[in-house]
């Protein structure tokens, strides 16, 4: 199995599980949990493909849907186990790996279609990584990822921009550059999880002053 595909599936599992765990406190039923899990797992890539006006990625590989569905069911019925600190932390790190992989995949796919160069690929990379989570939060009535102090969108944005810059300098090494950028993005996100890093205070001061961030 391709390592990129395996990581993509792991990220799909993590996205679905963390989505279900996030909405269970609201008293959601099994059907609602499955919908939230699937939307979070494949939502970003779906939005990206719709913008690119190409066939949606999971239509040709329903494994993404089945994995998200099964993961959502397991998370729903095993939420007490999944909510344990060690297991939930593992899910967060898997989520970080998924985000890191998906942002580079999304950026790379947009480049392949020469979409809105040079800004378009960065935007679609970010959408691929966090679009599902944003949709989940909107549907659940929760503050979105972009409205929190958590260092989540920053590593994703940095990874996409870094990929674009390095690819411009070393176009013949796209594969290696992709792996490096995935790793760097994941390490930044993992550091944020481990040390509970937040958005820099100089950014928060302005946001809080305007009552934008909670």
N, C-alpha and C. Protein backbone atom coordinates (compact mmCIF):
# COMPACT_ATOMS: atom_id res chain seq x y z
N UNK A 1 0.84 -1.20 0.00
CA UNK A 1 0.00 0.00 0.00
C UNK A 1 0.87 1.25 0.00
N UNK A 2 0.51 2.23 -0.82
CA UNK A 2 1.25 3.48 -0.88
C UNK A 2 1.22 4.18 0.47
N UNK A 3 2.38 4.69 0.93
CA UNK A 3 2.47 5.32 2.25
C UNK A 3 1.57 6.55 2.32
N UNK A 4 1.48 7.30 1.22
CA UNK A 4 0.64 8.48 1.19
C UNK A 4 -0.83 8.10 1.36
N UNK A 5 -1.22 7.01 0.70
CA UNK A 5 -2.61 6.53 0.79
C UNK A 5 -2.91 6.05 2.21
N UNK A 6 -1.96 5.33 2.80
CA UNK A 6 -2.14 4.83 4.16
C UNK A 6 -2.29 5.98 5.16
N UNK A 7 -1.46 7.00 5.01
CA UNK A 7 -1.55 8.17 5.89
C UNK A 7 -2.87 8.91 5.66
N UNK A 8 -3.31 8.94 4.42
CA UNK A 8 -4.58 9.58 4.11
C UNK A 8 -5.73 8.87 4.81
N UNK A 9 -5.69 7.55 4.83
CA UNK A 9 -6.72 6.78 5.51
C UNK A 9 -6.65 6.99 7.02
N UNK A 10 -5.42 7.06 7.55
CA UNK A 10 -5.25 7.31 8.99
C UNK A 10 -5.81 8.69 9.35
N UNK A 11 -5.55 9.66 8.48
CA UNK A 11 -6.08 10.99 8.71
C UNK A 11 -7.60 11.00 8.63
N UNK A 12 -8.16 10.21 7.72
CA UNK A 12 -9.61 10.10 7.59
C UNK A 12 -10.22 9.55 8.86
N UNK A 13 -9.57 8.52 9.42
CA UNK A 13 -10.03 7.94 10.69
C UNK A 13 -9.99 8.99 11.79
N UNK A 14 -8.87 9.69 11.89
CA UNK A 14 -8.71 10.69 12.95
C UNK A 14 -9.72 11.82 12.82
N UNK A 15 -9.95 12.29 11.60
CA UNK A 15 -10.92 13.37 11.38
C UNK A 15 -12.31 12.94 11.80
N UNK A 16 -12.71 11.72 11.40
CA UNK A 16 -14.04 11.22 11.73
C UNK A 16 -14.21 11.04 13.24
N UNK A 17 -13.22 10.43 13.87
CA UNK A 17 -13.31 10.15 15.32
C UNK A 17 -13.35 11.44 16.13
N UNK A 18 -12.43 12.36 15.85
CA UNK A 18 -12.40 13.61 16.62
C UNK A 18 -13.66 14.44 16.37
N UNK A 19 -14.24 14.33 15.17
CA UNK A 19 -15.49 15.04 14.88
C UNK A 19 -16.63 14.52 15.74
N UNK A 20 -16.75 13.20 15.81
CA UNK A 20 -17.81 12.59 16.62
C UNK A 20 -17.64 12.92 18.09
N UNK A 21 -16.42 12.82 18.58
CA UNK A 21 -16.16 13.13 19.99
C UNK A 21 -16.47 14.59 20.31
N UNK A 22 -16.32 15.46 19.31
CA UNK A 22 -16.56 16.88 19.53
C UNK A 22 -18.05 17.21 19.63
N UNK A 23 -18.89 16.41 18.97
CA UNK A 23 -20.33 16.72 18.96
C UNK A 23 -21.15 15.85 19.90
N UNK A 24 -20.58 14.77 20.43
CA UNK A 24 -21.32 13.90 21.35
C UNK A 24 -21.87 14.65 22.56
N UNK A 25 -21.11 15.58 23.17
CA UNK A 25 -21.66 16.31 24.32
C UNK A 25 -22.95 17.06 24.03
N UNK A 26 -23.26 17.27 22.77
CA UNK A 26 -24.49 17.97 22.40
C UNK A 26 -25.68 17.02 22.31
N UNK A 27 -25.46 15.74 22.65
CA UNK A 27 -26.55 14.78 22.64
C UNK A 27 -26.96 14.30 21.26
N UNK A 28 -26.03 14.24 20.34
CA UNK A 28 -26.30 13.84 18.97
C UNK A 28 -26.58 12.33 18.90
N UNK A 29 -27.42 11.92 17.93
CA UNK A 29 -27.71 10.50 17.77
C UNK A 29 -26.71 9.86 16.81
N UNK A 30 -26.86 8.55 16.59
CA UNK A 30 -25.90 7.82 15.75
C UNK A 30 -25.88 8.36 14.33
N UNK A 31 -27.05 8.60 13.76
CA UNK A 31 -27.09 9.10 12.38
C UNK A 31 -26.38 10.44 12.28
N UNK A 32 -26.65 11.32 13.22
CA UNK A 32 -26.02 12.64 13.21
C UNK A 32 -24.51 12.52 13.36
N UNK A 33 -24.07 11.57 14.21
CA UNK A 33 -22.64 11.36 14.42
C UNK A 33 -21.97 10.89 13.13
N UNK A 34 -22.63 9.99 12.42
CA UNK A 34 -22.08 9.48 11.16
C UNK A 34 -21.97 10.60 10.13
N UNK A 35 -23.02 11.42 10.03
CA UNK A 35 -23.01 12.54 9.09
C UNK A 35 -21.87 13.49 9.41
N UNK A 36 -21.72 13.83 10.70
CA UNK A 36 -20.65 14.74 11.11
C UNK A 36 -19.27 14.15 10.83
N UNK A 37 -19.13 12.85 11.12
CA UNK A 37 -17.85 12.19 10.90
C UNK A 37 -17.45 12.18 9.44
N UNK A 38 -18.40 11.84 8.56
CA UNK A 38 -18.10 11.77 7.13
C UNK A 38 -17.83 13.16 6.56
N UNK A 39 -18.65 14.13 6.96
CA UNK A 39 -18.46 15.50 6.46
C UNK A 39 -17.07 16.02 6.84
N UNK A 40 -16.66 15.76 8.07
CA UNK A 40 -15.36 16.24 8.52
C UNK A 40 -14.23 15.52 7.80
N UNK A 41 -14.40 14.22 7.58
CA UNK A 41 -13.33 13.42 6.98
C UNK A 41 -13.09 13.75 5.51
N UNK A 42 -14.15 13.99 4.75
CA UNK A 42 -14.00 14.19 3.30
C UNK A 42 -14.45 15.56 2.84
N UNK A 43 -14.94 16.39 3.76
CA UNK A 43 -15.50 17.69 3.38
C UNK A 43 -14.52 18.61 2.70
N UNK A 44 -13.30 18.71 3.24
CA UNK A 44 -12.30 19.62 2.67
C UNK A 44 -11.94 19.25 1.24
N UNK A 45 -11.67 17.98 1.02
CA UNK A 45 -11.32 17.53 -0.33
C UNK A 45 -12.47 17.67 -1.31
N UNK A 46 -13.69 17.49 -0.80
CA UNK A 46 -14.88 17.63 -1.64
C UNK A 46 -15.03 19.08 -2.11
N UNK A 47 -14.90 20.02 -1.17
CA UNK A 47 -14.99 21.44 -1.52
C UNK A 47 -13.92 21.81 -2.53
N UNK A 48 -12.69 21.31 -2.30
CA UNK A 48 -11.58 21.57 -3.23
C UNK A 48 -11.91 21.10 -4.64
N UNK A 49 -12.41 19.87 -4.76
CA UNK A 49 -12.68 19.32 -6.09
C UNK A 49 -13.84 20.03 -6.78
N UNK A 50 -14.82 20.47 -5.99
CA UNK A 50 -15.93 21.24 -6.57
C UNK A 50 -15.43 22.58 -7.12
N UNK A 51 -14.51 23.21 -6.39
CA UNK A 51 -13.94 24.47 -6.86
C UNK A 51 -13.12 24.24 -8.12
N UNK A 52 -12.37 23.14 -8.15
CA UNK A 52 -11.55 22.82 -9.32
C UNK A 52 -12.40 22.32 -10.49
N UNK A 53 -13.67 21.99 -10.20
CA UNK A 53 -14.58 21.47 -11.22
C UNK A 53 -14.06 20.16 -11.81
N UNK A 54 -13.65 19.26 -10.90
CA UNK A 54 -13.18 17.93 -11.30
C UNK A 54 -13.97 16.90 -10.50
N UNK A 55 -13.96 15.62 -10.92
CA UNK A 55 -14.66 14.58 -10.17
C UNK A 55 -14.20 14.54 -8.72
N UNK A 56 -15.14 14.44 -7.80
CA UNK A 56 -14.82 14.41 -6.37
C UNK A 56 -14.00 13.15 -6.07
N UNK A 57 -12.95 13.31 -5.29
CA UNK A 57 -11.97 12.25 -5.11
C UNK A 57 -12.54 10.95 -4.58
N UNK A 58 -13.51 11.03 -3.66
CA UNK A 58 -14.01 9.79 -3.06
C UNK A 58 -14.99 9.04 -3.96
N UNK A 59 -15.43 9.68 -5.05
CA UNK A 59 -16.35 9.01 -5.97
C UNK A 59 -15.68 7.83 -6.66
N UNK A 60 -14.37 7.92 -6.84
CA UNK A 60 -13.63 6.84 -7.48
C UNK A 60 -12.97 5.91 -6.47
N UNK A 61 -13.08 6.24 -5.19
CA UNK A 61 -12.52 5.39 -4.14
C UNK A 61 -13.39 5.53 -2.89
N UNK A 62 -14.43 4.71 -2.82
CA UNK A 62 -15.38 4.80 -1.72
C UNK A 62 -14.82 4.34 -0.38
N UNK A 63 -13.56 3.85 -0.40
CA UNK A 63 -12.93 3.47 0.86
C UNK A 63 -12.89 4.64 1.84
N UNK A 64 -12.75 5.85 1.31
CA UNK A 64 -12.73 7.03 2.18
C UNK A 64 -14.05 7.16 2.94
N UNK A 65 -15.17 6.90 2.25
CA UNK A 65 -16.48 7.00 2.87
C UNK A 65 -16.68 5.87 3.87
N UNK A 66 -16.33 4.65 3.47
CA UNK A 66 -16.53 3.50 4.35
C UNK A 66 -15.68 3.61 5.61
N UNK A 67 -14.44 4.05 5.45
CA UNK A 67 -13.56 4.20 6.61
C UNK A 67 -14.10 5.27 7.56
N UNK A 68 -14.57 6.38 6.99
CA UNK A 68 -15.13 7.45 7.82
C UNK A 68 -16.40 6.98 8.52
N UNK A 69 -17.23 6.21 7.82
CA UNK A 69 -18.48 5.71 8.40
C UNK A 69 -18.21 4.76 9.57
N UNK A 70 -17.35 3.78 9.34
CA UNK A 70 -17.04 2.81 10.40
C UNK A 70 -16.36 3.49 11.58
N UNK A 71 -15.46 4.42 11.30
CA UNK A 71 -14.76 5.15 12.37
C UNK A 71 -15.75 5.96 13.21
N UNK A 72 -16.74 6.55 12.56
CA UNK A 72 -17.75 7.34 13.26
C UNK A 72 -18.59 6.47 14.18
N UNK A 73 -18.96 5.29 13.70
CA UNK A 73 -19.76 4.36 14.51
C UNK A 73 -18.96 3.90 15.73
N UNK A 74 -17.70 3.54 15.51
CA UNK A 74 -16.85 3.09 16.62
C UNK A 74 -16.67 4.21 17.64
N UNK A 75 -16.46 5.43 17.16
CA UNK A 75 -16.29 6.57 18.07
C UNK A 75 -17.58 6.84 18.85
N UNK A 76 -18.72 6.67 18.20
CA UNK A 76 -20.01 6.93 18.86
C UNK A 76 -20.24 5.96 20.01
N UNK A 77 -20.03 4.68 19.75
CA UNK A 77 -20.29 3.67 20.79
C UNK A 77 -19.11 3.50 21.75
N UNK A 78 -17.92 3.90 21.31
CA UNK A 78 -16.77 3.77 22.20
C UNK A 78 -16.26 5.10 22.68
N UNK A 79 -17.18 6.10 22.77
CA UNK A 79 -16.74 7.46 23.10
C UNK A 79 -16.07 7.56 24.46
N UNK A 80 -16.50 6.74 25.42
CA UNK A 80 -15.87 6.80 26.75
C UNK A 80 -14.42 6.35 26.68
N UNK A 81 -14.17 5.29 25.90
CA UNK A 81 -12.80 4.82 25.73
C UNK A 81 -11.99 5.83 24.92
N UNK A 82 -12.61 6.33 23.84
CA UNK A 82 -11.91 7.28 22.97
C UNK A 82 -11.59 8.58 23.68
N UNK A 83 -12.40 8.92 24.68
CA UNK A 83 -12.21 10.18 25.39
C UNK A 83 -11.09 10.12 26.43
N UNK A 84 -10.58 8.92 26.69
CA UNK A 84 -9.47 8.80 27.62
C UNK A 84 -8.28 9.60 27.11
N UNK A 85 -7.56 10.18 28.03
CA UNK A 85 -6.52 11.15 27.68
C UNK A 85 -5.52 10.61 26.67
N UNK A 86 -4.98 9.42 26.91
CA UNK A 86 -3.94 8.89 26.03
C UNK A 86 -4.47 8.61 24.61
N UNK A 87 -5.66 8.02 24.55
CA UNK A 87 -6.22 7.67 23.25
C UNK A 87 -6.63 8.93 22.49
N UNK A 88 -7.23 9.89 23.21
CA UNK A 88 -7.63 11.13 22.55
C UNK A 88 -6.41 11.91 22.05
N UNK A 89 -5.34 11.87 22.83
CA UNK A 89 -4.10 12.54 22.40
C UNK A 89 -3.57 11.90 21.13
N UNK A 90 -3.65 10.57 21.06
CA UNK A 90 -3.22 9.86 19.86
C UNK A 90 -4.05 10.31 18.65
N UNK A 91 -5.36 10.46 18.86
CA UNK A 91 -6.23 10.91 17.78
C UNK A 91 -5.85 12.32 17.31
N UNK A 92 -5.47 13.17 18.26
CA UNK A 92 -5.06 14.53 17.90
C UNK A 92 -3.80 14.52 17.04
N UNK A 93 -2.87 13.64 17.40
CA UNK A 93 -1.63 13.55 16.60
C UNK A 93 -1.91 12.96 15.22
N UNK A 94 -2.80 11.97 15.15
CA UNK A 94 -3.19 11.42 13.85
C UNK A 94 -3.91 12.48 13.02
N UNK A 95 -4.72 13.29 13.71
CA UNK A 95 -5.39 14.40 13.04
C UNK A 95 -4.35 15.36 12.48
N UNK A 96 -3.31 15.63 13.26
CA UNK A 96 -2.23 16.51 12.80
C UNK A 96 -1.53 15.95 11.58
N UNK A 97 -1.33 14.63 11.58
CA UNK A 97 -0.69 13.99 10.43
C UNK A 97 -1.60 14.09 9.20
N UNK A 98 -2.90 13.90 9.42
CA UNK A 98 -3.85 14.01 8.33
C UNK A 98 -3.90 15.41 7.75
N UNK A 99 -3.93 16.40 8.63
CA UNK A 99 -3.94 17.80 8.20
C UNK A 99 -2.69 18.12 7.38
N UNK A 100 -1.54 17.67 7.87
CA UNK A 100 -0.27 17.92 7.18
C UNK A 100 -0.26 17.29 5.80
N UNK A 101 -0.77 16.09 5.71
CA UNK A 101 -0.80 15.39 4.42
C UNK A 101 -1.80 16.03 3.47
N UNK A 102 -2.99 16.33 3.98
CA UNK A 102 -4.05 16.84 3.12
C UNK A 102 -3.75 18.23 2.58
N UNK A 103 -3.08 19.07 3.38
CA UNK A 103 -2.78 20.42 2.88
C UNK A 103 -1.81 20.36 1.71
N UNK A 104 -0.85 19.45 1.78
CA UNK A 104 0.11 19.32 0.67
C UNK A 104 -0.55 18.65 -0.53
N UNK A 105 -1.40 17.65 -0.28
CA UNK A 105 -2.11 17.00 -1.37
C UNK A 105 -3.00 17.99 -2.11
N UNK A 106 -3.72 18.81 -1.32
CA UNK A 106 -4.61 19.80 -1.92
C UNK A 106 -3.85 20.83 -2.73
N UNK A 107 -2.74 21.30 -2.17
CA UNK A 107 -1.91 22.27 -2.87
C UNK A 107 -1.36 21.68 -4.16
N UNK A 108 -0.88 20.45 -4.08
CA UNK A 108 -0.31 19.78 -5.25
C UNK A 108 -1.35 19.56 -6.34
N UNK A 109 -2.56 19.18 -5.93
CA UNK A 109 -3.61 18.94 -6.92
C UNK A 109 -3.99 20.23 -7.65
N UNK A 110 -4.07 21.32 -6.90
CA UNK A 110 -4.40 22.62 -7.51
C UNK A 110 -3.31 23.07 -8.47
N UNK A 111 -2.06 22.80 -8.10
CA UNK A 111 -0.94 23.14 -9.00
C UNK A 111 -1.05 22.34 -10.30
N UNK A 112 -1.43 21.06 -10.17
CA UNK A 112 -1.57 20.21 -11.34
C UNK A 112 -2.59 20.73 -12.33
N UNK A 113 -3.60 21.43 -11.82
CA UNK A 113 -4.63 22.01 -12.69
C UNK A 113 -4.34 23.48 -12.99
N UNK A 114 -3.17 23.96 -12.55
CA UNK A 114 -2.75 25.34 -12.80
C UNK A 114 -3.83 26.33 -12.35
N UNK A 115 -4.35 26.07 -11.15
CA UNK A 115 -5.47 26.85 -10.64
C UNK A 115 -4.99 28.10 -9.89
N UNK A 116 -5.34 29.26 -10.39
CA UNK A 116 -5.11 30.52 -9.70
C UNK A 116 -3.69 30.73 -9.20
N UNK A 117 -2.72 30.36 -9.99
CA UNK A 117 -1.32 30.48 -9.56
C UNK A 117 -0.96 31.93 -9.26
N UNK A 118 -0.16 32.19 -8.20
CA UNK A 118 0.39 31.22 -7.24
C UNK A 118 -0.42 31.11 -5.95
N UNK A 119 -1.48 31.92 -5.80
CA UNK A 119 -2.23 31.94 -4.54
C UNK A 119 -3.26 30.81 -4.45
N UNK A 120 -3.86 30.47 -5.59
CA UNK A 120 -4.91 29.47 -5.62
C UNK A 120 -4.55 28.15 -4.95
N UNK A 121 -3.38 27.56 -5.28
CA UNK A 121 -3.03 26.29 -4.64
C UNK A 121 -2.91 26.37 -3.12
N UNK A 122 -2.41 27.49 -2.62
CA UNK A 122 -2.30 27.65 -1.16
C UNK A 122 -3.69 27.66 -0.53
N UNK A 123 -4.60 28.41 -1.13
CA UNK A 123 -5.96 28.49 -0.60
C UNK A 123 -6.65 27.13 -0.65
N UNK A 124 -6.51 26.42 -1.77
CA UNK A 124 -7.16 25.12 -1.88
C UNK A 124 -6.50 24.08 -0.99
N UNK A 125 -5.20 24.23 -0.74
CA UNK A 125 -4.53 23.34 0.21
C UNK A 125 -5.09 23.52 1.61
N UNK A 126 -5.29 24.76 2.01
CA UNK A 126 -5.85 25.07 3.33
C UNK A 126 -7.28 24.54 3.42
N UNK A 127 -8.07 24.76 2.35
CA UNK A 127 -9.45 24.27 2.33
C UNK A 127 -9.50 22.76 2.46
N UNK A 128 -8.59 22.08 1.75
CA UNK A 128 -8.53 20.62 1.82
C UNK A 128 -8.29 20.14 3.25
N UNK A 129 -7.41 20.84 3.95
CA UNK A 129 -7.01 20.41 5.30
C UNK A 129 -8.05 20.73 6.36
N UNK A 130 -8.67 21.92 6.28
CA UNK A 130 -9.53 22.33 7.39
C UNK A 130 -10.99 22.56 6.98
N UNK A 131 -11.30 22.38 5.70
CA UNK A 131 -12.67 22.62 5.24
C UNK A 131 -13.70 21.75 5.92
N UNK A 132 -13.36 20.47 6.12
CA UNK A 132 -14.29 19.56 6.78
C UNK A 132 -14.55 19.96 8.22
N UNK A 133 -13.48 20.35 8.92
CA UNK A 133 -13.61 20.77 10.31
C UNK A 133 -14.44 22.04 10.44
N UNK A 134 -14.24 22.97 9.52
CA UNK A 134 -15.02 24.21 9.54
C UNK A 134 -16.50 23.92 9.32
N UNK A 135 -16.79 23.04 8.36
CA UNK A 135 -18.19 22.67 8.08
C UNK A 135 -18.82 22.00 9.30
N UNK A 136 -18.08 21.11 9.93
CA UNK A 136 -18.57 20.44 11.14
C UNK A 136 -18.93 21.44 12.23
N UNK A 137 -18.03 22.38 12.48
CA UNK A 137 -18.26 23.36 13.55
C UNK A 137 -19.46 24.26 13.25
N UNK A 138 -19.62 24.62 11.99
CA UNK A 138 -20.76 25.45 11.60
C UNK A 138 -22.07 24.70 11.82
N UNK A 139 -22.11 23.43 11.38
CA UNK A 139 -23.32 22.62 11.54
C UNK A 139 -23.62 22.35 13.01
N UNK A 140 -22.56 22.19 13.82
CA UNK A 140 -22.74 21.90 15.24
C UNK A 140 -22.96 23.15 16.08
N UNK A 141 -22.80 24.30 15.47
CA UNK A 141 -22.96 25.55 16.21
C UNK A 141 -21.82 25.83 17.16
N UNK A 142 -20.63 25.31 16.85
CA UNK A 142 -19.45 25.54 17.69
C UNK A 142 -18.58 26.63 17.08
N UNK A 143 -17.73 27.29 17.89
CA UNK A 143 -16.76 28.23 17.33
C UNK A 143 -15.87 27.49 16.33
N UNK A 144 -15.64 28.06 15.18
CA UNK A 144 -14.84 27.39 14.16
C UNK A 144 -13.36 27.41 14.53
N UNK A 145 -12.59 26.58 13.82
CA UNK A 145 -11.16 26.49 14.05
C UNK A 145 -10.48 27.84 13.89
N UNK A 146 -10.98 28.63 12.95
CA UNK A 146 -10.36 29.93 12.68
C UNK A 146 -10.67 30.95 13.77
N UNK A 147 -11.63 30.65 14.64
CA UNK A 147 -12.03 31.59 15.68
C UNK A 147 -11.45 31.21 17.04
N UNK A 148 -10.54 30.25 17.06
CA UNK A 148 -9.95 29.80 18.31
C UNK A 148 -8.48 30.21 18.38
N UNK A 149 -7.94 30.23 19.60
CA UNK A 149 -6.54 30.59 19.80
C UNK A 149 -5.59 29.44 19.48
N UNK A 150 -6.15 28.24 19.35
CA UNK A 150 -5.34 27.06 19.09
C UNK A 150 -4.53 27.22 17.80
N UNK A 151 -3.27 26.78 17.84
CA UNK A 151 -2.39 26.89 16.67
C UNK A 151 -2.72 25.74 15.71
N UNK A 152 -3.69 25.98 14.84
CA UNK A 152 -4.17 24.94 13.93
C UNK A 152 -4.03 25.37 12.47
N UNK A 153 -4.61 26.50 12.15
CA UNK A 153 -4.57 26.97 10.76
C UNK A 153 -3.20 27.49 10.37
N UNK A 154 -2.45 28.00 11.35
CA UNK A 154 -1.13 28.57 11.05
C UNK A 154 -0.16 27.53 10.48
N UNK A 155 -0.01 26.34 11.11
CA UNK A 155 0.89 25.34 10.53
C UNK A 155 0.46 24.91 9.12
N UNK A 156 -0.85 24.82 8.93
CA UNK A 156 -1.38 24.43 7.62
C UNK A 156 -1.01 25.46 6.55
N UNK A 157 -1.23 26.72 6.87
CA UNK A 157 -0.91 27.80 5.93
C UNK A 157 0.59 27.84 5.64
N UNK A 158 1.38 27.70 6.69
CA UNK A 158 2.84 27.71 6.53
C UNK A 158 3.28 26.56 5.62
N UNK A 159 2.71 25.37 5.83
CA UNK A 159 3.08 24.21 5.02
C UNK A 159 2.78 24.41 3.55
N UNK A 160 1.61 24.98 3.25
CA UNK A 160 1.22 25.21 1.85
C UNK A 160 2.14 26.23 1.19
N UNK A 161 2.42 27.31 1.90
CA UNK A 161 3.30 28.36 1.34
C UNK A 161 4.71 27.83 1.15
N UNK A 162 5.21 27.09 2.13
CA UNK A 162 6.55 26.52 2.03
C UNK A 162 6.65 25.58 0.84
N UNK A 163 5.62 24.78 0.63
CA UNK A 163 5.61 23.84 -0.50
C UNK A 163 5.69 24.60 -1.83
N UNK A 164 4.92 25.68 -1.93
CA UNK A 164 4.93 26.48 -3.16
C UNK A 164 6.30 27.10 -3.40
N UNK A 165 6.91 27.63 -2.35
CA UNK A 165 8.21 28.29 -2.50
C UNK A 165 9.30 27.29 -2.88
N UNK A 166 9.35 26.17 -2.19
CA UNK A 166 10.38 25.17 -2.48
C UNK A 166 10.19 24.56 -3.87
N UNK A 167 8.93 24.37 -4.25
CA UNK A 167 8.67 23.80 -5.57
C UNK A 167 9.11 24.76 -6.68
N UNK A 168 9.00 26.05 -6.39
CA UNK A 168 9.45 27.06 -7.34
C UNK A 168 10.96 27.02 -7.52
N UNK A 169 11.66 26.76 -6.40
CA UNK A 169 13.13 26.73 -6.43
C UNK A 169 13.67 25.41 -6.94
N UNK A 170 12.98 24.32 -6.60
CA UNK A 170 13.48 22.98 -6.98
C UNK A 170 12.35 22.17 -7.63
N UNK A 171 11.91 22.56 -8.80
CA UNK A 171 10.77 21.89 -9.45
C UNK A 171 11.01 20.42 -9.77
N UNK A 172 12.26 20.03 -9.87
CA UNK A 172 12.57 18.63 -10.21
C UNK A 172 12.48 17.70 -9.01
N UNK A 173 12.29 18.24 -7.83
CA UNK A 173 12.27 17.42 -6.60
C UNK A 173 10.93 17.50 -5.90
N UNK A 174 9.84 17.47 -6.66
CA UNK A 174 8.51 17.66 -6.08
C UNK A 174 8.16 16.60 -5.03
N UNK A 175 8.55 15.34 -5.30
CA UNK A 175 8.24 14.27 -4.35
C UNK A 175 8.90 14.48 -3.01
N UNK A 176 10.19 14.76 -3.03
CA UNK A 176 10.94 14.98 -1.80
C UNK A 176 10.44 16.22 -1.07
N UNK A 177 10.17 17.27 -1.83
CA UNK A 177 9.68 18.51 -1.23
C UNK A 177 8.34 18.28 -0.54
N UNK A 178 7.49 17.49 -1.18
CA UNK A 178 6.19 17.18 -0.58
C UNK A 178 6.34 16.49 0.75
N UNK A 179 7.22 15.49 0.81
CA UNK A 179 7.45 14.75 2.06
C UNK A 179 8.02 15.67 3.14
N UNK A 180 8.96 16.51 2.76
CA UNK A 180 9.58 17.44 3.72
C UNK A 180 8.53 18.39 4.30
N UNK A 181 7.68 18.91 3.43
CA UNK A 181 6.66 19.88 3.87
C UNK A 181 5.60 19.21 4.73
N UNK A 182 5.25 17.98 4.41
CA UNK A 182 4.31 17.24 5.26
C UNK A 182 4.91 17.06 6.65
N UNK A 183 6.18 16.67 6.69
CA UNK A 183 6.85 16.45 7.96
C UNK A 183 6.94 17.74 8.78
N UNK A 184 7.34 18.83 8.14
CA UNK A 184 7.48 20.10 8.85
C UNK A 184 6.12 20.58 9.38
N UNK A 185 5.10 20.47 8.55
CA UNK A 185 3.76 20.88 8.98
C UNK A 185 3.29 20.05 10.16
N UNK A 186 3.53 18.75 10.08
CA UNK A 186 3.13 17.87 11.20
C UNK A 186 3.90 18.20 12.47
N UNK A 187 5.20 18.44 12.34
CA UNK A 187 6.00 18.74 13.53
C UNK A 187 5.54 20.02 14.22
N UNK A 188 5.18 21.02 13.43
CA UNK A 188 4.68 22.27 14.01
C UNK A 188 3.36 22.01 14.72
N UNK A 189 2.48 21.26 14.08
CA UNK A 189 1.17 20.94 14.69
C UNK A 189 1.36 20.07 15.93
N UNK A 190 2.28 19.10 15.86
CA UNK A 190 2.54 18.23 17.01
C UNK A 190 3.09 19.03 18.18
N UNK A 191 3.97 19.97 17.90
CA UNK A 191 4.50 20.84 18.94
C UNK A 191 3.40 21.65 19.59
N UNK A 192 2.46 22.12 18.76
CA UNK A 192 1.33 22.90 19.28
C UNK A 192 0.46 22.05 20.19
N UNK A 193 0.27 20.78 19.83
CA UNK A 193 -0.52 19.87 20.66
C UNK A 193 0.21 19.58 21.97
N UNK A 194 1.49 19.25 21.86
CA UNK A 194 2.26 18.84 23.04
C UNK A 194 2.43 19.98 24.04
N UNK A 195 2.77 21.15 23.54
CA UNK A 195 3.03 22.29 24.43
C UNK A 195 1.86 23.28 24.51
N UNK A 196 0.74 22.86 23.90
CA UNK A 196 -0.47 23.70 23.93
C UNK A 196 -0.17 25.13 23.45
N UNK A 197 0.50 25.21 22.31
CA UNK A 197 0.86 26.50 21.74
C UNK A 197 -0.38 27.17 21.16
N UNK A 198 -0.41 28.48 21.21
CA UNK A 198 -1.54 29.24 20.68
C UNK A 198 -1.05 30.29 19.68
N UNK A 199 -1.99 30.96 19.07
CA UNK A 199 -1.66 32.04 18.14
C UNK A 199 -0.86 33.10 18.88
N UNK A 200 0.20 33.67 18.26
CA UNK A 200 1.03 34.68 18.93
C UNK A 200 0.20 35.81 19.53
N UNK A 201 0.63 36.29 20.69
CA UNK A 201 -0.12 37.31 21.42
C UNK A 201 -0.30 38.60 20.62
N UNK A 202 0.68 38.95 19.78
CA UNK A 202 0.57 40.19 19.02
C UNK A 202 -0.58 40.12 18.01
N UNK A 203 -0.96 38.89 17.62
CA UNK A 203 -2.12 38.73 16.75
C UNK A 203 -3.41 38.71 17.57
N UNK A 204 -3.35 38.06 18.74
CA UNK A 204 -4.53 37.95 19.58
C UNK A 204 -4.99 39.29 20.10
N UNK A 205 -4.08 40.19 20.42
CA UNK A 205 -4.44 41.49 20.97
C UNK A 205 -5.36 42.23 20.02
N UNK A 206 -5.03 42.19 18.76
CA UNK A 206 -5.84 42.89 17.76
C UNK A 206 -7.19 42.21 17.61
N UNK A 207 -7.20 40.88 17.60
CA UNK A 207 -8.43 40.14 17.41
C UNK A 207 -9.36 40.31 18.61
N UNK A 208 -8.80 40.19 19.81
CA UNK A 208 -9.61 40.32 21.00
C UNK A 208 -10.18 41.74 21.13
N UNK A 209 -9.41 42.69 20.71
CA UNK A 209 -9.85 44.09 20.79
C UNK A 209 -11.11 44.29 19.96
N UNK A 210 -11.22 43.53 18.89
CA UNK A 210 -12.39 43.66 18.02
C UNK A 210 -13.44 42.58 18.31
N UNK A 211 -13.23 41.83 19.43
CA UNK A 211 -14.18 40.81 19.85
C UNK A 211 -14.40 39.74 18.77
N UNK A 212 -13.32 39.42 18.05
CA UNK A 212 -13.45 38.42 16.99
C UNK A 212 -13.14 37.03 17.52
N UNK A 213 -12.22 36.93 18.45
CA UNK A 213 -11.78 35.62 18.93
C UNK A 213 -12.28 35.38 20.33
N UNK A 214 -12.59 34.14 20.63
CA UNK A 214 -13.11 33.80 21.95
C UNK A 214 -12.00 33.46 22.93
